[in-house]
Amino acid sequence: MEKETSRIEAFSDGVFAIAITLLILEIKVPTAENDLAAQLLRQWPSYVAFVISFAFIGIMWINHHRLFTHIRRADNALMILNLALLLGVTAVPYPTAVLAQHLNRGGQRTAAILYNATYFVIAIIFNVLWRYCASRDGHLLGKEVDSSTIARISSQYALGPVCYLVCIVVAWVSVPASLLMNVALAIFFALPPSRSERLIGRRS
C-alpha cells in the first residue's frame, strides 16, 4: 500500500472541514425584534466556545497535516487509528455546545470537564497514531525522518494528554482558568515541534 496516504488525507480533510463548520450552527440568531444588541451580548458564552473550538480543530488539522508529511505508507492499523482520531474530531461540536449552554451558569464545571475530557481522549489517540507510525524504526515513515525528528515530535505529543488532564483538574477549581489554559495549549500546539522544544528548553 505504498503512498496510499493520499486518500486518507483527503478523507480526513473533509471530516475536519465538516466538524469545524458545524461549530457555527450552535450560535443562534436572536428572534425577538427588541433589544437585539443585548441579546447578541448575552450569547457571549457561545462566541467563546466557538472561537476556542475553532482554534483547536484548526490546530489539530495542522498537526494532522504535519504528521502525514512524514508518513509515506499506510496499513490497516493506521487507517483504523486515523478513523478513531476523526471520531474524536467529529465529537467536538457536542461538548462545545454543552460548554456554550452552561458557561457562566449552573453546570459550567461539569461542562468544562466534559470539554477538556474530549480533548484528553483526542490527545491520547494522536499519541497512539504517531507512535504506531514511528514504531519498528519508523516502518510507515519516510526515509528522511531520522530518530531525532521522531523523538522531537513524540516529546511534543506526549505533553498533550498530561496538559489536558491538568485542565480537567483545574476546571474543578476554576472554569475560567481552565479555558485560559486551553487557549495557551492551542498556541503551544500550533508551534512546530522544533519551536515548542526550544520553548520548553528555555523554561526548564
Protein backbone atom coordinates (compact mmCIF):
# COMPACT_ATOMS: atom_id res chain seq x y z
CA MET A 1 0.00 0.00 0.00
CA GLU A 2 2.82 2.37 -0.91
CA LYS A 3 1.81 6.04 -0.68
CA GLU A 4 -1.82 5.16 0.00
CA THR A 5 -1.93 8.08 2.39
CA SER A 6 -3.36 10.50 -0.18
CA ARG A 7 -6.87 9.05 0.18
CA ILE A 8 -6.57 9.02 3.97
CA GLU A 9 -5.51 12.67 3.95
CA ALA A 10 -8.32 13.71 1.58
CA PHE A 11 -10.97 11.94 3.66
CA SER A 12 -9.54 13.38 6.88
CA ASP A 13 -9.51 16.91 5.45
CA GLY A 14 -13.20 16.56 4.62
CA VAL A 15 -14.04 15.42 8.16
CA PHE A 16 -12.06 18.28 9.70
CA ALA A 17 -13.83 20.77 7.41
CA ILE A 18 -17.29 19.48 8.32
CA ALA A 19 -16.56 19.40 12.06
CA ILE A 20 -15.19 22.95 12.08
CA THR A 21 -18.19 24.20 10.09
CA LEU A 22 -20.73 22.59 12.42
CA LEU A 23 -19.44 24.72 15.30
CA ILE A 24 -21.10 27.88 13.97
CA LEU A 25 -24.52 26.21 13.99
CA GLU A 26 -24.56 26.43 17.79
CA ILE A 27 -24.64 30.23 17.63
CA LYS A 28 -28.34 31.01 17.28
CA VAL A 29 -29.79 34.07 15.59
CA PRO A 30 -31.92 36.09 18.06
CA THR A 31 -35.60 36.03 17.10
CA ALA A 32 -37.03 38.91 19.14
CA GLU A 33 -37.09 42.32 17.49
CA ASN A 34 -36.49 44.36 20.65
CA ASP A 35 -33.10 44.92 22.25
CA LEU A 36 -31.13 42.95 19.65
CA ALA A 37 -27.79 44.24 20.96
CA ALA A 38 -28.50 42.90 24.45
CA GLN A 39 -29.46 39.51 23.07
CA LEU A 40 -26.30 39.32 20.99
CA LEU A 41 -24.21 40.20 24.05
CA ARG A 42 -25.92 37.53 26.13
CA GLN A 43 -24.65 34.92 23.71
CA TRP A 44 -21.01 35.60 24.63
CA PRO A 45 -20.51 32.05 26.02
CA SER A 46 -21.35 30.68 22.56
CA TYR A 47 -18.80 33.03 20.97
CA VAL A 48 -16.10 31.98 23.42
CA ALA A 49 -16.78 28.26 22.95
CA PHE A 50 -16.88 28.68 19.16
CA VAL A 51 -13.56 30.53 18.94
CA ILE A 52 -11.71 28.10 21.23
CA SER A 53 -13.08 25.01 19.47
CA PHE A 54 -12.44 26.51 16.02
CA ALA A 55 -8.84 27.10 17.04
CA PHE A 56 -8.49 23.59 18.47
CA ILE A 57 -9.90 21.82 15.42
CA GLY A 58 -7.82 24.02 13.15
CA ILE A 59 -4.66 23.24 15.11
CA MET A 60 -5.50 19.53 15.13
CA TRP A 61 -5.78 19.75 11.35
CA ILE A 62 -2.39 21.50 11.18
CA ASN A 63 -0.79 18.77 13.30
CA HIS A 64 -2.55 16.05 11.29
CA HIS A 65 -1.10 17.61 8.13
CA ARG A 66 2.36 17.78 9.69
CA LEU A 67 2.03 14.16 10.75
CA PHE A 68 1.22 12.97 7.25
CA THR A 69 4.12 14.85 5.70
CA HIS A 70 6.26 12.24 7.46
CA ILE A 71 4.06 9.21 6.76
CA ARG A 72 4.78 7.53 3.43
CA ARG A 73 2.93 4.23 3.75
CA ALA A 74 -0.39 3.06 5.16
CA ASP A 75 -1.72 -0.19 6.56
CA ASN A 76 -4.97 -1.34 8.14
CA ALA A 77 -3.93 -0.36 11.66
CA LEU A 78 -3.06 3.17 10.54
CA MET A 79 -6.45 3.59 8.86
CA ILE A 80 -8.28 2.35 11.97
CA LEU A 81 -6.30 4.66 14.26
CA ASN A 82 -6.93 7.58 11.93
CA LEU A 83 -10.66 6.82 11.99
CA ALA A 84 -10.53 6.80 15.80
CA LEU A 85 -8.93 10.24 15.70
CA LEU A 86 -11.62 11.51 13.31
CA LEU A 87 -14.28 10.10 15.65
CA GLY A 88 -12.92 12.41 18.33
CA VAL A 89 -12.83 15.36 15.93
CA THR A 90 -16.45 14.90 14.88
CA ALA A 91 -17.49 14.76 18.54
CA VAL A 92 -16.04 18.22 19.33
CA PRO A 93 -19.17 20.23 18.38
CA TYR A 94 -21.19 18.45 21.09
CA PRO A 95 -19.05 19.36 24.15
CA THR A 96 -18.67 22.81 22.58
CA ALA A 97 -22.46 23.22 22.57
CA VAL A 98 -22.69 21.96 26.15
CA LEU A 99 -20.00 24.41 27.26
CA ALA A 100 -21.69 27.30 25.48
CA GLN A 101 -25.04 26.43 27.06
CA HIS A 102 -23.75 26.19 30.62
CA LEU A 103 -20.83 28.63 30.73
CA ASN A 104 -21.28 31.22 33.49
CA ARG A 105 -24.32 29.39 34.88
CA GLY A 106 -25.24 26.16 36.65
CA GLY A 107 -23.34 23.12 35.43
CA GLN A 108 -20.40 25.04 33.99
CA ARG A 109 -17.88 22.93 35.93
CA THR A 110 -19.27 19.70 34.51
CA ALA A 111 -19.43 21.24 31.04
CA ALA A 112 -15.77 22.34 31.23
CA ILE A 113 -14.69 18.91 32.47
CA LEU A 114 -16.55 17.23 29.58
CA TYR A 115 -14.98 19.69 27.15
CA ASN A 116 -11.45 19.04 28.37
CA ALA A 117 -12.03 15.30 28.64
CA THR A 118 -12.87 15.24 24.92
CA TYR A 119 -9.51 16.78 24.06
CA PHE A 120 -7.77 14.49 26.55
CA VAL A 121 -9.06 11.45 24.64
CA ILE A 122 -8.16 13.01 21.27
CA ALA A 123 -4.64 13.74 22.54
CA ILE A 124 -4.22 10.10 23.57
CA ILE A 125 -5.35 8.90 20.13
CA PHE A 126 -2.94 11.36 18.46
CA ASN A 127 -0.11 9.86 20.51
CA VAL A 128 -1.09 6.27 19.71
CA LEU A 129 -1.34 7.09 15.99
CA TRP A 130 2.06 8.74 15.86
CA ARG A 131 3.83 6.16 17.99
CA TYR A 132 2.41 3.35 15.87
CA CYS A 133 3.76 5.01 12.71
CA ALA A 134 7.13 5.60 14.37
CA SER A 135 7.36 2.09 15.83
CA ARG A 136 9.63 -0.59 14.41
CA ASP A 137 12.17 2.03 13.35
CA GLY A 138 9.55 4.20 11.69
CA HIS A 139 8.13 1.48 9.48
CA LEU A 140 5.47 3.80 7.99
CA LEU A 141 7.61 6.92 7.83
CA GLY A 142 9.72 8.33 5.04
CA LYS A 143 13.43 7.60 4.94
CA GLU A 144 14.20 11.27 5.59
CA VAL A 145 12.66 11.06 9.09
CA ASP A 146 15.54 10.37 11.47
CA SER A 147 15.48 9.35 15.10
CA SER A 148 15.90 12.93 16.36
CA THR A 149 12.81 14.06 14.42
CA ILE A 150 10.81 11.14 15.81
CA ALA A 151 11.94 11.98 19.35
CA ARG A 152 11.10 15.68 18.91
CA ILE A 153 7.57 15.01 17.66
CA SER A 154 6.98 12.31 20.27
CA SER A 155 8.07 14.70 23.01
CA GLN A 156 5.59 17.40 21.93
CA TYR A 157 2.68 14.98 21.52
CA ALA A 158 3.37 13.38 24.91
CA LEU A 159 2.57 16.68 26.61
CA GLY A 160 -0.98 16.70 25.24
CA PRO A 161 -2.67 14.10 27.50
CA VAL A 162 -0.84 15.42 30.56
CA CYS A 163 -1.79 19.03 29.91
CA TYR A 164 -5.44 18.27 29.21
CA LEU A 165 -5.60 16.13 32.33
CA VAL A 166 -4.34 19.16 34.25
CA CYS A 167 -7.06 21.25 32.57
CA ILE A 168 -9.68 18.78 33.83
CA VAL A 169 -8.38 19.15 37.39
CA VAL A 170 -8.20 22.95 37.09
CA ALA A 171 -11.79 23.06 35.74
CA TRP A 172 -12.95 21.59 39.04
CA VAL A 173 -11.49 24.63 40.81
CA SER A 174 -11.87 27.41 38.22
CA VAL A 175 -13.57 27.17 34.83
CA PRO A 176 -12.11 30.47 33.52
CA ALA A 177 -8.58 29.35 34.45
CA SER A 178 -9.18 26.06 32.66
CA LEU A 179 -10.31 27.86 29.50
CA LEU A 180 -7.27 30.14 29.63
CA MET A 181 -5.11 27.03 29.81
CA ASN A 182 -6.97 25.72 26.75
CA VAL A 183 -6.02 28.87 24.84
CA ALA A 184 -2.39 28.54 25.93
CA LEU A 185 -2.34 24.90 24.81
CA ALA A 186 -3.82 25.86 21.44
CA ILE A 187 -0.98 28.35 20.92
CA PHE A 188 1.63 25.83 22.06
CA PHE A 189 0.45 23.02 19.78
CA ALA A 190 0.23 25.42 16.83
CA LEU A 191 4.01 25.79 17.07
CA PRO A 192 6.21 23.47 15.00
CA PRO A 193 7.79 20.72 17.16
CA SER A 194 11.23 22.34 16.84
CA ARG A 195 9.94 25.67 18.20
CA SER A 196 7.99 24.10 21.05
CA GLU A 197 11.04 22.06 22.02
CA ARG A 198 13.16 25.22 22.26
CA LEU A 199 10.42 26.91 24.29
CA ILE A 200 10.34 24.03 26.78
CA GLY A 201 14.13 24.03 26.91
CA ARG A 202 14.29 27.73 27.78
CA ARG A 203 11.70 27.37 30.56
CA SER A 204 13.42 24.33 32.05
